[in-house]
Amino acid sequence: MLEEVETPAPATRPRQRALMRWVAAAVSAIVIVALAGLPVYVFPRTDRPEKADAIVVLGPATTQRMALGTRLMREGYASHLYVSAPKNMRMYDPCFNADTSCFSPEPTTTRGEARFTLDEARVNGWSRVIVITGGFHVSRARFIFDRCSGVDPIMLGADEPRNAYGWVYQYAYQTAGFVKAVIVGCAGPTP
């Protein structure tokens, strides 16, 4: 006796094909976005360290960012380190070093850090600063500092390891930050 093999109903095959096309399109879009983000987030253009008027470490002041800023200061690239630290971190140990100053930007964003740098540049006559941030943030920070800080930024990215989730998060967060920077500009509302 032969067993009958059930074949899917004819309406199921077009649905399966449509689902497969949708999955293929989604995977293709993810690959395209990942590849497009490589030169912006994973391998951004950074500068060589040069003598500058100050070193500004953008928040959060991670161990890697602080180590890079401190090393550059010791090597004589600038005589003072400015660290973006929220008000609740004002007791942060480096804030008490003679050659380090902590500041709380308003707003507490890269735009606020660029505004702080602009204010300090006007008061102290700065023309060039070294700006240290995470590698994934270099492109957006450069975009904002070029437009809003009034100084020539030397952009450096600290090597901060990320897992797959961290990279997905940074792609989304930094992209949204770029959109916001374009829309809000330098003089956007202050909280």
Protein backbone atom coordinates (compact mmCIF):
# COMPACT_ATOMS: atom_id res chain seq x y z
CA MET A 1 0.00 0.00 0.00
CA LEU A 2 1.37 3.36 -0.99
CA GLU A 3 1.28 6.25 1.41
CA GLU A 4 -0.03 9.48 0.16
CA VAL A 5 2.31 12.41 0.58
CA GLU A 6 0.59 15.62 1.46
CA THR A 7 1.53 18.57 -0.63
CA PRO A 8 1.05 22.07 0.63
CA ALA A 9 -2.02 23.88 -0.50
CA PRO A 10 -1.36 26.03 -3.55
CA ALA A 11 -1.97 29.27 -1.57
CA THR A 12 0.83 28.38 0.88
CA ARG A 13 3.61 28.39 -1.75
CA PRO A 14 3.19 32.09 -2.70
CA ARG A 15 3.16 33.01 1.00
CA GLN A 16 6.37 31.06 1.55
CA ARG A 17 8.00 32.77 -1.43
CA ALA A 18 6.88 36.18 -0.17
CA LEU A 19 8.26 35.40 3.28
CA MET A 20 11.58 34.26 1.80
CA ARG A 21 11.80 37.45 -0.28
CA TRP A 22 11.09 39.54 2.82
CA VAL A 23 13.76 37.67 4.85
CA ALA A 24 16.29 38.05 2.00
CA ALA A 25 15.53 41.80 1.76
CA ALA A 26 15.88 42.23 5.53
CA VAL A 27 19.20 40.37 5.62
CA SER A 28 20.44 42.40 2.63
CA ALA A 29 19.46 45.66 4.33
CA ILE A 30 21.27 44.66 7.52
CA VAL A 31 24.42 43.77 5.56
CA ILE A 32 24.29 47.06 3.61
CA VAL A 33 23.85 49.12 6.80
CA ALA A 34 26.66 47.23 8.54
CA LEU A 35 29.02 47.74 5.60
CA ALA A 36 28.08 51.41 5.20
CA GLY A 37 28.77 52.01 8.89
CA LEU A 38 32.26 50.49 8.86
CA PRO A 39 34.09 53.70 7.83
CA VAL A 40 31.88 55.85 10.07
CA TYR A 41 31.66 53.84 13.30
CA VAL A 42 34.19 50.99 13.23
CA PHE A 43 37.11 52.54 11.32
CA PRO A 44 36.52 56.32 11.51
CA ARG A 45 39.04 58.86 10.30
CA THR A 46 41.18 59.90 13.25
CA ASP A 47 44.00 62.40 13.42
CA ARG A 48 47.57 62.14 14.56
CA PRO A 49 48.25 63.76 17.91
CA GLU A 50 49.70 67.26 17.57
CA LYS A 51 50.51 70.03 20.02
CA ALA A 52 47.31 71.68 21.13
CA ASP A 53 46.00 74.22 23.63
CA ALA A 54 44.12 71.59 25.64
CA ILE A 55 42.90 68.01 25.68
CA VAL A 56 39.15 67.48 26.06
CA VAL A 57 37.89 64.02 27.07
CA LEU A 58 34.27 63.54 26.09
CA GLY A 59 31.96 61.68 28.42
CA PRO A 60 31.69 59.17 29.71
CA ALA A 61 35.26 59.36 30.98
CA THR A 62 36.07 55.69 30.45
CA THR A 63 39.32 54.15 31.61
CA GLN A 64 40.52 53.99 27.99
CA ARG A 65 39.72 57.65 27.26
CA MET A 66 41.34 58.83 30.48
CA ALA A 67 44.46 56.71 29.86
CA LEU A 68 44.85 58.16 26.36
CA GLY A 69 44.29 61.74 27.55
CA THR A 70 46.69 61.37 30.47
CA ARG A 71 49.37 59.78 28.27
CA LEU A 72 49.12 62.58 25.68
CA MET A 73 49.34 65.21 28.40
CA ARG A 74 52.43 63.54 29.90
CA GLU A 75 53.98 63.40 26.42
CA GLY A 76 53.57 67.18 26.17
CA TYR A 77 50.80 67.51 23.57
CA ALA A 78 48.93 69.87 25.91
CA SER A 79 49.39 71.02 29.49
CA HIS A 80 45.82 70.63 30.70
CA LEU A 81 43.17 67.93 30.52
CA TYR A 82 39.44 68.80 30.59
CA VAL A 83 37.12 65.92 31.43
CA SER A 84 33.40 65.91 30.75
CA ALA A 85 31.86 64.53 33.95
CA PRO A 86 28.25 64.82 35.06
CA LYS A 87 27.62 66.71 38.28
CA ASN A 88 27.19 63.44 40.17
CA MET A 89 30.79 62.53 39.26
CA ARG A 90 32.40 65.73 40.51
CA MET A 91 34.08 63.69 43.27
CA TYR A 92 35.83 61.69 40.53
CA ASP A 93 39.55 61.40 41.52
CA PRO A 94 41.04 62.94 38.35
CA CYS A 95 38.98 66.08 38.96
CA PHE A 96 41.33 66.92 41.82
CA ASN A 97 44.60 66.82 39.87
CA ALA A 98 46.25 70.20 39.30
CA ASP A 99 46.51 69.60 35.56
CA THR A 100 42.93 68.27 35.15
CA SER A 101 39.60 70.07 35.26
CA CYS A 102 36.20 68.43 35.18
CA PHE A 103 33.19 70.14 33.68
CA SER A 104 29.50 69.35 33.37
CA PRO A 105 28.34 70.32 29.88
CA GLU A 106 24.99 71.99 29.26
CA PRO A 107 23.26 70.18 27.70
CA THR A 108 24.88 66.90 28.71
CA THR A 109 25.54 65.95 25.10
CA THR A 110 28.35 66.22 22.58
CA ARG A 111 26.83 69.59 21.60
CA GLY A 112 27.18 70.73 25.21
CA GLU A 113 30.80 69.57 25.26
CA ALA A 114 31.44 71.52 22.04
CA ARG A 115 29.79 74.60 23.59
CA PHE A 116 32.03 74.27 26.65
CA THR A 117 35.05 74.06 24.36
CA LEU A 118 33.88 77.16 22.45
CA ASP A 119 33.47 79.12 25.70
CA GLU A 120 36.92 78.05 26.94
CA ALA A 121 38.47 78.82 23.55
CA ARG A 122 37.09 82.36 23.69
CA VAL A 123 38.31 82.93 27.27
CA ASN A 124 41.71 81.25 26.87
CA GLY A 125 42.50 82.00 23.24
CA TRP A 126 42.51 78.36 22.14
CA SER A 127 42.73 77.59 18.45
CA ARG A 128 43.34 73.84 18.55
CA VAL A 129 42.26 71.08 20.96
CA ILE A 130 42.70 67.35 21.10
CA VAL A 131 39.29 65.71 21.50
CA ILE A 132 39.20 62.15 22.85
CA THR A 133 36.15 59.93 22.65
CA GLY A 134 35.24 56.33 21.87
CA GLY A 135 36.18 55.22 18.37
CA PHE A 136 32.53 54.65 17.43
CA HIS A 137 31.78 58.30 18.34
CA VAL A 138 34.67 60.00 16.48
CA SER A 139 32.78 60.78 13.26
CA ARG A 140 29.77 62.32 14.99
CA ALA A 141 31.94 64.22 17.48
CA ARG A 142 34.02 65.59 14.58
CA PHE A 143 30.83 66.65 12.79
CA ILE A 144 29.62 68.55 15.87
CA PHE A 145 32.98 70.02 16.91
CA ASP A 146 33.74 71.21 13.37
CA ARG A 147 30.50 73.16 13.40
CA CYS A 148 30.08 74.18 17.02
CA SER A 149 33.38 74.44 18.93
CA GLY A 150 35.14 77.32 17.20
CA VAL A 151 38.47 75.46 17.28
CA ASP A 152 40.39 73.06 15.10
CA PRO A 153 39.69 69.66 16.68
CA ILE A 154 42.26 66.88 16.57
CA MET A 155 40.00 63.84 16.89
CA LEU A 156 41.25 60.68 18.59
CA GLY A 157 39.33 57.53 19.39
CA ALA A 158 40.10 55.43 22.43
CA ASP A 159 39.91 51.70 21.85
CA GLU A 160 36.85 50.61 23.81
CA PRO A 161 35.92 46.97 23.19
CA ARG A 162 32.36 46.19 22.14
CA ASN A 163 30.41 42.98 21.81
CA ALA A 164 27.89 42.40 18.99
CA TYR A 165 25.04 43.97 20.98
CA GLY A 166 27.24 46.98 21.77
CA TRP A 167 27.97 47.53 18.07
CA VAL A 168 24.30 47.27 17.10
CA TYR A 169 23.45 49.75 19.86
CA GLN A 170 26.20 52.19 18.78
CA TYR A 171 25.18 52.01 15.11
CA ALA A 172 21.62 52.95 16.07
CA TYR A 173 22.57 55.53 18.74
CA GLN A 174 25.24 57.30 16.67
CA THR A 175 23.00 57.38 13.58
CA ALA A 176 20.18 58.93 15.61
CA GLY A 177 22.73 61.38 17.05
CA PHE A 178 23.80 62.42 13.55
CA VAL A 179 20.18 63.06 12.59
CA LYS A 180 19.64 65.10 15.76
CA ALA A 181 22.85 67.11 15.15
CA VAL A 182 21.68 68.02 11.65
CA ILE A 183 18.20 69.00 12.85
CA VAL A 184 19.15 70.81 16.09
CA GLY A 185 22.45 72.34 14.95
CA CYS A 186 24.74 74.17 17.37
CA ALA A 187 22.30 76.56 18.97
CA GLY A 188 19.52 74.11 19.77
CA PRO A 189 17.53 74.52 22.96
CA THR A 190 19.34 74.34 26.26
CA PRO A 191 17.60 72.48 29.07
